[in-house]
Amino acid sequence: MSDPGLRTGENGWPLAALDPIGRARVLAAAIPSSAFHQGVIDAPYATLWPWVIDLENSTPHFDSQVDRVVIHRRTEDGDIINLRMTATSHGLPLPFHVRIEDGFCMMRGLARLYLVVMAAVPEDEGRRTRFLHMEAIPLPGTGLFRRFIQHEVDSDFSNLTRLAESGFAV
């Protein structure tokens, strides 16, 4: 007897799929310096996710290390948005390649200097949002920075939660 909830591919083999949070957790597990914070934010997914991926406007409000974000190029391929952007932190510019999908945003700093992942899935029929924020320095020997990164990620998550409670009034 087959499982009605089991999805299979063309060849009949079971398909394994991860939601955006699962994808982000796999990345976090693979990078020694990574730090993440996951929780449920009391804001509808349909409100939170569009606000978060408006990177130029949202990021400087919830990420205390980012002063400014400038989008230099935007292309769309179906449901995928690709950006070239620069985030300025304490006067230092860091260029990023960004890939945004529904519920998943990965920002990769040039020369692998930094990685930021944000992932979200609807919770409670979309009335709330399960959100994961992860940051890392994906270079060998950077695991020593994990504690500092964790502090920053926790702060960003708290700021995002506070902004959501205010209806994203900035």
N, C-alpha and C. Protein backbone atom coordinates (compact mmCIF):
# COMPACT_ATOMS: atom_id res chain seq x y z
N MET A 1 0.84 -1.16 0.00
CA MET A 1 0.00 0.00 0.00
C MET A 1 0.90 1.24 0.00
N SER A 2 0.57 2.23 -0.83
CA SER A 2 1.39 3.44 -0.93
C SER A 2 0.87 4.52 0.01
N ASP A 3 1.78 5.39 0.41
CA ASP A 3 1.45 6.50 1.30
C ASP A 3 0.88 7.63 0.44
N PRO A 4 -0.36 8.09 0.68
CA PRO A 4 -0.95 9.14 -0.16
C PRO A 4 -0.23 10.49 -0.03
N GLY A 5 0.52 10.70 1.07
CA GLY A 5 1.23 11.96 1.25
C GLY A 5 2.63 11.94 0.67
N LEU A 6 3.08 10.79 0.17
CA LEU A 6 4.43 10.65 -0.36
C LEU A 6 4.47 11.10 -1.81
N ARG A 7 5.30 12.09 -2.10
CA ARG A 7 5.45 12.56 -3.48
C ARG A 7 6.57 11.76 -4.13
N THR A 8 6.36 11.44 -5.40
CA THR A 8 7.38 10.69 -6.13
C THR A 8 7.70 11.41 -7.43
N GLY A 9 8.91 11.16 -7.91
CA GLY A 9 9.36 11.73 -9.17
C GLY A 9 8.91 10.89 -10.34
N GLU A 10 9.41 11.24 -11.53
CA GLU A 10 9.02 10.53 -12.76
C GLU A 10 9.37 9.05 -12.70
N ASN A 11 10.47 8.73 -12.02
CA ASN A 11 10.90 7.34 -11.97
C ASN A 11 10.28 6.57 -10.81
N GLY A 12 9.39 7.21 -10.06
CA GLY A 12 8.72 6.54 -8.95
C GLY A 12 9.47 6.62 -7.63
N TRP A 13 10.69 7.16 -7.65
CA TRP A 13 11.44 7.31 -6.42
C TRP A 13 10.85 8.45 -5.58
N PRO A 14 10.89 8.33 -4.27
CA PRO A 14 10.37 9.41 -3.42
C PRO A 14 11.18 10.69 -3.62
N LEU A 15 10.47 11.82 -3.56
CA LEU A 15 11.13 13.12 -3.66
C LEU A 15 11.41 13.65 -2.25
N ALA A 16 12.57 14.17 -2.06
CA ALA A 16 12.91 14.82 -0.79
C ALA A 16 12.96 16.32 -1.05
N ALA A 17 12.23 17.06 -0.28
CA ALA A 17 12.19 18.51 -0.48
C ALA A 17 12.27 19.20 0.88
N LEU A 18 12.89 20.37 0.88
CA LEU A 18 12.99 21.17 2.09
C LEU A 18 12.25 22.48 1.88
N ASP A 19 11.56 22.94 2.91
CA ASP A 19 10.97 24.26 2.82
C ASP A 19 12.08 25.30 3.03
N PRO A 20 11.79 26.58 2.90
CA PRO A 20 12.84 27.59 3.05
C PRO A 20 13.58 27.53 4.38
N ILE A 21 12.88 27.25 5.48
CA ILE A 21 13.54 27.14 6.78
C ILE A 21 14.50 25.95 6.79
N GLY A 22 14.07 24.84 6.24
CA GLY A 22 14.93 23.65 6.16
C GLY A 22 16.19 23.92 5.34
N ARG A 23 16.03 24.62 4.22
CA ARG A 23 17.19 24.96 3.39
C ARG A 23 18.18 25.82 4.18
N ALA A 24 17.66 26.80 4.91
CA ALA A 24 18.52 27.69 5.69
C ALA A 24 19.23 26.92 6.81
N ARG A 25 18.55 25.99 7.44
CA ARG A 25 19.17 25.20 8.51
C ARG A 25 20.28 24.31 7.97
N VAL A 26 20.12 23.78 6.77
CA VAL A 26 21.19 22.97 6.16
C VAL A 26 22.42 23.84 5.92
N LEU A 27 22.22 25.04 5.38
CA LEU A 27 23.35 25.96 5.18
C LEU A 27 24.02 26.29 6.51
N ALA A 28 23.23 26.57 7.53
CA ALA A 28 23.79 26.91 8.84
C ALA A 28 24.61 25.76 9.40
N ALA A 29 24.14 24.53 9.20
CA ALA A 29 24.86 23.36 9.71
C ALA A 29 26.17 23.12 8.96
N ALA A 30 26.24 23.57 7.72
CA ALA A 30 27.42 23.30 6.89
C ALA A 30 28.54 24.32 7.07
N ILE A 31 28.26 25.45 7.70
CA ILE A 31 29.26 26.52 7.81
C ILE A 31 29.62 26.71 9.28
N PRO A 32 30.86 26.41 9.67
CA PRO A 32 31.24 26.46 11.09
C PRO A 32 31.03 27.80 11.78
N SER A 33 31.15 28.91 11.09
CA SER A 33 31.00 30.22 11.74
C SER A 33 29.55 30.68 11.78
N SER A 34 28.63 29.91 11.24
CA SER A 34 27.26 30.39 11.12
C SER A 34 26.56 30.50 12.47
N ALA A 35 25.68 31.47 12.53
CA ALA A 35 24.83 31.65 13.70
C ALA A 35 23.43 31.95 13.17
N PHE A 36 22.41 31.40 13.81
CA PHE A 36 21.06 31.68 13.36
C PHE A 36 20.12 31.81 14.53
N HIS A 37 19.01 32.46 14.26
CA HIS A 37 17.93 32.61 15.24
C HIS A 37 16.65 32.28 14.49
N GLN A 38 15.87 31.37 15.06
CA GLN A 38 14.61 30.96 14.44
C GLN A 38 13.50 31.13 15.46
N GLY A 39 12.37 31.60 15.00
CA GLY A 39 11.22 31.73 15.88
C GLY A 39 9.99 32.13 15.09
N VAL A 40 8.89 32.27 15.79
CA VAL A 40 7.64 32.67 15.15
C VAL A 40 7.39 34.14 15.47
N ILE A 41 7.16 34.91 14.43
CA ILE A 41 6.90 36.34 14.56
C ILE A 41 5.41 36.57 14.36
N ASP A 42 4.85 37.37 15.24
CA ASP A 42 3.41 37.61 15.22
C ASP A 42 3.05 38.66 14.16
N ALA A 43 3.25 38.27 12.91
CA ALA A 43 2.90 39.11 11.77
C ALA A 43 2.55 38.17 10.62
N PRO A 44 1.56 38.53 9.82
CA PRO A 44 1.20 37.67 8.69
C PRO A 44 2.36 37.53 7.70
N TYR A 45 2.51 36.34 7.17
CA TYR A 45 3.54 36.09 6.17
C TYR A 45 3.40 37.06 5.00
N ALA A 46 2.17 37.31 4.58
CA ALA A 46 1.92 38.19 3.42
C ALA A 46 2.33 39.63 3.69
N THR A 47 2.51 40.00 4.94
CA THR A 47 2.99 41.33 5.29
C THR A 47 4.49 41.32 5.58
N LEU A 48 4.92 40.34 6.37
CA LEU A 48 6.32 40.29 6.81
C LEU A 48 7.28 40.05 5.66
N TRP A 49 7.04 39.03 4.84
CA TRP A 49 8.01 38.67 3.81
C TRP A 49 8.23 39.80 2.79
N PRO A 50 7.19 40.42 2.24
CA PRO A 50 7.46 41.54 1.32
C PRO A 50 8.22 42.69 1.98
N TRP A 51 7.93 42.95 3.27
CA TRP A 51 8.65 44.02 3.96
C TRP A 51 10.13 43.66 4.10
N VAL A 52 10.42 42.43 4.50
CA VAL A 52 11.81 42.00 4.71
C VAL A 52 12.61 42.07 3.42
N ILE A 53 12.04 41.63 2.30
CA ILE A 53 12.82 41.60 1.06
C ILE A 53 12.88 42.94 0.34
N ASP A 54 12.25 43.96 0.90
CA ASP A 54 12.47 45.32 0.43
C ASP A 54 13.76 45.79 1.10
N LEU A 55 14.87 45.20 0.68
CA LEU A 55 16.15 45.30 1.38
C LEU A 55 16.63 46.73 1.60
N GLU A 56 16.43 47.60 0.61
CA GLU A 56 16.90 48.98 0.76
C GLU A 56 16.21 49.68 1.92
N ASN A 57 14.94 49.39 2.13
CA ASN A 57 14.18 50.06 3.17
C ASN A 57 14.17 49.30 4.49
N SER A 58 14.10 47.98 4.46
CA SER A 58 13.95 47.22 5.70
C SER A 58 15.27 46.97 6.42
N THR A 59 16.31 46.61 5.70
CA THR A 59 17.55 46.16 6.35
C THR A 59 18.14 47.18 7.31
N PRO A 60 18.27 48.45 6.94
CA PRO A 60 18.85 49.39 7.90
C PRO A 60 18.00 49.58 9.17
N HIS A 61 16.73 49.17 9.11
CA HIS A 61 15.86 49.32 10.28
C HIS A 61 15.96 48.15 11.24
N PHE A 62 16.26 46.94 10.75
CA PHE A 62 16.33 45.82 11.69
C PHE A 62 17.73 45.29 11.89
N ASP A 63 18.67 45.59 11.00
CA ASP A 63 20.05 45.14 11.16
C ASP A 63 20.89 46.30 11.68
N SER A 64 21.26 46.22 12.94
CA SER A 64 21.97 47.34 13.58
C SER A 64 23.36 47.57 13.02
N GLN A 65 23.89 46.64 12.22
CA GLN A 65 25.22 46.80 11.63
C GLN A 65 25.18 47.42 10.24
N VAL A 66 23.99 47.59 9.67
CA VAL A 66 23.86 48.10 8.31
C VAL A 66 23.30 49.52 8.34
N ASP A 67 24.06 50.44 7.76
CA ASP A 67 23.63 51.84 7.69
C ASP A 67 22.79 52.11 6.45
N ARG A 68 23.11 51.40 5.36
CA ARG A 68 22.48 51.71 4.08
C ARG A 68 22.60 50.52 3.14
N VAL A 69 21.59 50.33 2.30
CA VAL A 69 21.62 49.32 1.24
C VAL A 69 21.27 50.01 -0.07
N VAL A 70 22.06 49.76 -1.09
CA VAL A 70 21.80 50.31 -2.42
C VAL A 70 21.73 49.16 -3.41
N ILE A 71 20.63 49.08 -4.14
CA ILE A 71 20.46 48.07 -5.20
C ILE A 71 21.03 48.66 -6.49
N HIS A 72 21.97 47.95 -7.09
CA HIS A 72 22.59 48.42 -8.33
C HIS A 72 21.96 47.79 -9.58
N ARG A 73 21.54 46.54 -9.44
CA ARG A 73 20.94 45.84 -10.59
C ARG A 73 19.93 44.83 -10.08
N ARG A 74 18.83 44.73 -10.80
CA ARG A 74 17.76 43.78 -10.46
C ARG A 74 17.33 43.07 -11.72
N THR A 75 17.30 41.74 -11.67
CA THR A 75 16.76 40.95 -12.77
C THR A 75 15.78 39.95 -12.19
N GLU A 76 14.80 39.58 -12.99
CA GLU A 76 13.82 38.59 -12.54
C GLU A 76 13.76 37.48 -13.56
N ASP A 77 13.71 36.26 -13.06
CA ASP A 77 13.58 35.08 -13.88
C ASP A 77 12.44 34.25 -13.28
N GLY A 78 11.24 34.49 -13.77
CA GLY A 78 10.07 33.83 -13.18
C GLY A 78 9.85 34.36 -11.77
N ASP A 79 9.83 33.46 -10.80
CA ASP A 79 9.61 33.83 -9.40
C ASP A 79 10.90 34.15 -8.66
N ILE A 80 12.03 34.15 -9.36
CA ILE A 80 13.33 34.38 -8.72
C ILE A 80 13.82 35.79 -9.05
N ILE A 81 14.23 36.51 -8.02
CA ILE A 81 14.79 37.86 -8.18
C ILE A 81 16.27 37.78 -7.87
N ASN A 82 17.09 38.33 -8.76
CA ASN A 82 18.53 38.41 -8.53
C ASN A 82 18.91 39.88 -8.43
N LEU A 83 19.72 40.20 -7.42
CA LEU A 83 20.14 41.57 -7.20
C LEU A 83 21.65 41.66 -7.09
N ARG A 84 22.17 42.79 -7.46
CA ARG A 84 23.52 43.20 -7.10
C ARG A 84 23.31 44.40 -6.20
N MET A 85 23.88 44.35 -5.00
CA MET A 85 23.66 45.43 -4.06
C MET A 85 24.91 45.68 -3.24
N THR A 86 24.92 46.81 -2.57
CA THR A 86 25.99 47.13 -1.63
C THR A 86 25.35 47.47 -0.30
N ALA A 87 25.82 46.82 0.74
CA ALA A 87 25.41 47.14 2.10
C ALA A 87 26.56 47.90 2.74
N THR A 88 26.27 49.02 3.36
CA THR A 88 27.30 49.81 4.02
C THR A 88 27.15 49.64 5.52
N SER A 89 28.25 49.23 6.15
CA SER A 89 28.28 49.00 7.59
C SER A 89 29.41 49.83 8.19
N HIS A 90 29.03 50.76 9.02
CA HIS A 90 30.01 51.65 9.67
C HIS A 90 30.93 52.30 8.65
N GLY A 91 30.36 52.71 7.51
CA GLY A 91 31.10 53.39 6.47
C GLY A 91 31.84 52.49 5.49
N LEU A 92 31.83 51.19 5.74
CA LEU A 92 32.52 50.25 4.85
C LEU A 92 31.52 49.56 3.92
N PRO A 93 31.71 49.71 2.60
CA PRO A 93 30.79 49.07 1.65
C PRO A 93 31.15 47.60 1.44
N LEU A 94 30.13 46.76 1.38
CA LEU A 94 30.32 45.34 1.08
C LEU A 94 29.34 44.95 -0.02
N PRO A 95 29.86 44.62 -1.22
CA PRO A 95 28.98 44.22 -2.32
C PRO A 95 28.43 42.81 -2.09
N PHE A 96 27.19 42.61 -2.51
CA PHE A 96 26.51 41.32 -2.38
C PHE A 96 25.84 40.93 -3.68
N HIS A 97 25.81 39.61 -3.93
CA HIS A 97 24.93 38.99 -4.92
C HIS A 97 23.76 38.46 -4.10
N VAL A 98 22.54 38.74 -4.53
CA VAL A 98 21.36 38.35 -3.77
C VAL A 98 20.43 37.52 -4.65
N ARG A 99 19.89 36.46 -4.07
CA ARG A 99 18.89 35.63 -4.75
C ARG A 99 17.68 35.56 -3.82
N ILE A 100 16.54 35.97 -4.34
CA ILE A 100 15.31 35.97 -3.56
C ILE A 100 14.29 35.06 -4.23
N GLU A 101 13.75 34.15 -3.45
CA GLU A 101 12.65 33.29 -3.86
C GLU A 101 11.55 33.46 -2.82
N ASP A 102 10.40 32.90 -3.07
CA ASP A 102 9.32 32.99 -2.09
C ASP A 102 9.79 32.35 -0.78
N GLY A 103 9.94 33.14 0.25
CA GLY A 103 10.32 32.62 1.56
C GLY A 103 11.81 32.39 1.76
N PHE A 104 12.65 32.71 0.80
CA PHE A 104 14.08 32.42 0.93
C PHE A 104 14.90 33.54 0.27
N CYS A 105 15.80 34.12 1.03
CA CYS A 105 16.68 35.17 0.53
C CYS A 105 18.10 34.85 0.96
N MET A 106 19.00 34.74 -0.02
CA MET A 106 20.41 34.48 0.27
C MET A 106 21.23 35.62 -0.29
N MET A 107 22.01 36.25 0.59
CA MET A 107 22.88 37.36 0.21
C MET A 107 24.32 36.90 0.40
N ARG A 108 25.05 36.81 -0.70
CA ARG A 108 26.42 36.31 -0.68
C ARG A 108 27.37 37.45 -0.99
N GLY A 109 28.21 37.79 0.00
CA GLY A 109 29.20 38.84 -0.19
C GLY A 109 30.24 38.42 -1.20
N LEU A 110 30.73 39.38 -1.96
CA LEU A 110 31.78 39.08 -2.93
C LEU A 110 32.99 38.51 -2.21
N ALA A 111 33.71 37.64 -2.89
CA ALA A 111 34.89 36.95 -2.35
C ALA A 111 34.54 36.11 -1.12
N ARG A 112 33.27 35.73 -1.00
CA ARG A 112 32.81 34.89 0.12
C ARG A 112 33.09 35.52 1.48
N LEU A 113 33.09 36.84 1.54
CA LEU A 113 33.39 37.50 2.80
C LEU A 113 32.28 37.37 3.83
N TYR A 114 31.03 37.27 3.37
CA TYR A 114 29.94 37.19 4.32
C TYR A 114 28.73 36.54 3.64
N LEU A 115 27.90 35.89 4.43
CA LEU A 115 26.69 35.25 3.93
C LEU A 115 25.55 35.58 4.88
N VAL A 116 24.44 35.98 4.31
CA VAL A 116 23.22 36.25 5.09
C VAL A 116 22.10 35.46 4.44
N VAL A 117 21.34 34.75 5.26
CA VAL A 117 20.17 34.01 4.76
C VAL A 117 18.99 34.38 5.64
N MET A 118 17.88 34.69 4.98
CA MET A 118 16.61 34.90 5.67
C MET A 118 15.61 33.94 5.04
N ALA A 119 14.87 33.26 5.90
CA ALA A 119 13.88 32.31 5.40
C ALA A 119 12.61 32.45 6.21
N ALA A 120 11.48 32.23 5.53
CA ALA A 120 10.19 32.39 6.21
C ALA A 120 9.18 31.42 5.62
N VAL A 121 8.31 30.94 6.48
CA VAL A 121 7.17 30.13 6.05
C VAL A 121 5.95 30.57 6.84
N PRO A 122 4.78 30.50 6.20
CA PRO A 122 3.55 30.87 6.92
C PRO A 122 3.30 29.91 8.09
N GLU A 123 2.79 30.45 9.16
CA GLU A 123 2.45 29.69 10.34
C GLU A 123 1.00 30.06 10.69
N ASP A 124 0.26 29.13 11.27
CA ASP A 124 -1.13 29.40 11.66
C ASP A 124 -1.95 29.95 10.49
N GLU A 125 -1.91 29.23 9.38
CA GLU A 125 -2.64 29.59 8.16
C GLU A 125 -2.27 30.98 7.65
N GLY A 126 -1.00 31.35 7.85
CA GLY A 126 -0.49 32.62 7.34
C GLY A 126 -0.65 33.80 8.27
N ARG A 127 -1.30 33.61 9.43
CA ARG A 127 -1.51 34.73 10.36
C ARG A 127 -0.22 35.13 11.07
N ARG A 128 0.69 34.18 11.20
CA ARG A 128 2.00 34.44 11.80
C ARG A 128 3.06 33.87 10.86
N THR A 129 4.31 34.14 11.16
CA THR A 129 5.39 33.72 10.26
C THR A 129 6.52 33.08 11.05
N ARG A 130 6.90 31.86 10.65
CA ARG A 130 8.11 31.26 11.19
C ARG A 130 9.27 31.84 10.38
N PHE A 131 10.24 32.40 11.08
CA PHE A 131 11.33 33.15 10.42
C PHE A 131 12.66 32.65 10.94
N LEU A 132 13.62 32.55 10.04
CA LEU A 132 14.99 32.20 10.41
C LEU A 132 15.92 33.22 9.79
N HIS A 133 16.81 33.73 10.62
CA HIS A 133 17.83 34.68 10.17
C HIS A 133 19.18 34.06 10.47
N MET A 134 20.04 33.95 9.47
CA MET A 134 21.36 33.33 9.62
C MET A 134 22.41 34.22 9.00
N GLU A 135 23.57 34.29 9.66
CA GLU A 135 24.71 35.00 9.10
C GLU A 135 25.95 34.16 9.34
N ALA A 136 26.94 34.33 8.46
CA ALA A 136 28.17 33.54 8.57
C ALA A 136 29.29 34.20 7.79
N ILE A 137 30.50 33.84 8.16
CA ILE A 137 31.68 34.15 7.37
C ILE A 137 32.13 32.80 6.80
N PRO A 138 31.80 32.52 5.54
CA PRO A 138 32.04 31.17 5.00
C PRO A 138 33.46 30.94 4.51
N LEU A 139 34.43 31.27 5.35
CA LEU A 139 35.83 31.08 5.02
C LEU A 139 36.47 30.17 6.07
N PRO A 140 37.48 29.39 5.71
CA PRO A 140 38.14 28.52 6.68
C PRO A 140 38.70 29.34 7.85
N GLY A 141 38.60 28.78 9.04
CA GLY A 141 39.19 29.39 10.22
C GLY A 141 38.39 30.52 10.84
N THR A 142 37.16 30.70 10.42
CA THR A 142 36.37 31.82 10.94
C THR A 142 35.37 31.40 12.02
N GLY A 143 35.44 30.16 12.44
CA GLY A 143 34.54 29.68 13.49
C GLY A 143 34.66 30.47 14.78
N LEU A 144 35.81 31.10 15.01
CA LEU A 144 36.02 31.90 16.22
C LEU A 144 35.08 33.10 16.28
N PHE A 145 34.55 33.52 15.13
CA PHE A 145 33.66 34.67 15.08
C PHE A 145 32.21 34.33 15.39
N ARG A 146 31.92 33.05 15.55
CA ARG A 146 30.54 32.60 15.71
C ARG A 146 29.83 33.30 16.87
N ARG A 147 30.48 33.45 18.00
CA ARG A 147 29.83 34.06 19.17
C ARG A 147 29.43 35.51 18.87
N PHE A 148 30.31 36.26 18.22
CA PHE A 148 30.00 37.64 17.84
C PHE A 148 28.83 37.67 16.85
N ILE A 149 28.88 36.77 15.85
CA ILE A 149 27.82 36.72 14.85
C ILE A 149 26.50 36.37 15.51
N GLN A 150 26.52 35.43 16.46
CA GLN A 150 25.28 35.04 17.14
C GLN A 150 24.66 36.23 17.85
N HIS A 151 25.48 37.03 18.51
CA HIS A 151 24.97 38.22 19.19
C HIS A 151 24.27 39.15 18.20
N GLU A 152 24.88 39.36 17.03
CA GLU A 152 24.30 40.24 16.02
C GLU A 152 23.00 39.67 15.46
N VAL A 153 22.97 38.37 15.19
CA VAL A 153 21.77 37.73 14.65
C VAL A 153 20.62 37.80 15.65
N ASP A 154 20.92 37.55 16.92
CA ASP A 154 19.88 37.64 17.95
C ASP A 154 19.32 39.07 18.04
N SER A 155 20.20 40.05 17.95
CA SER A 155 19.77 41.45 17.97
C SER A 155 18.89 41.78 16.77
N ASP A 156 19.29 41.32 15.58
CA ASP A 156 18.50 41.56 14.37
C ASP A 156 17.11 40.93 14.50
N PHE A 157 17.05 39.71 15.03
CA PHE A 157 15.76 39.03 15.18
C PHE A 157 14.87 39.79 16.16
N SER A 158 15.45 40.27 17.26
CA SER A 158 14.68 41.05 18.23
C SER A 158 14.15 42.34 17.60
N ASN A 159 15.00 42.99 16.82
CA ASN A 159 14.57 44.22 16.14
C ASN A 159 13.44 43.94 15.16
N LEU A 160 13.54 42.85 14.41
CA LEU A 160 12.49 42.49 13.46
C LEU A 160 11.18 42.19 14.18
N THR A 161 11.27 41.48 15.29
CA THR A 161 10.07 41.17 16.08
C THR A 161 9.42 42.45 16.60
N ARG A 162 10.23 43.38 17.10
CA ARG A 162 9.72 44.65 17.60
C ARG A 162 9.05 45.46 16.48
N LEU A 163 9.69 45.48 15.31
CA LEU A 163 9.11 46.20 14.17
C LEU A 163 7.79 45.57 13.74
N ALA A 164 7.73 44.24 13.75
CA ALA A 164 6.48 43.56 13.39
C ALA A 164 5.37 43.92 14.36
N GLU A 165 5.69 43.99 15.66
CA GLU A 165 4.69 44.34 16.66
C GLU A 165 4.14 45.76 16.45
N SER A 166 4.97 46.63 15.86
CA SER A 166 4.53 48.00 15.61
C SER A 166 3.88 48.15 14.23
N GLY A 167 3.69 47.04 13.53
CA GLY A 167 3.12 47.10 12.19
C GLY A 167 4.10 47.61 11.16
N PHE A 168 5.40 47.43 11.45
CA PHE A 168 6.51 47.86 10.59
C PHE A 168 6.55 49.37 10.41
N ALA A 169 6.08 50.07 11.45
CA ALA A 169 6.19 51.53 11.45
C ALA A 169 7.63 51.88 11.79
N VAL A 170 8.28 52.59 10.90
CA VAL A 170 9.68 52.96 11.12
C VAL A 170 9.85 54.46 11.20
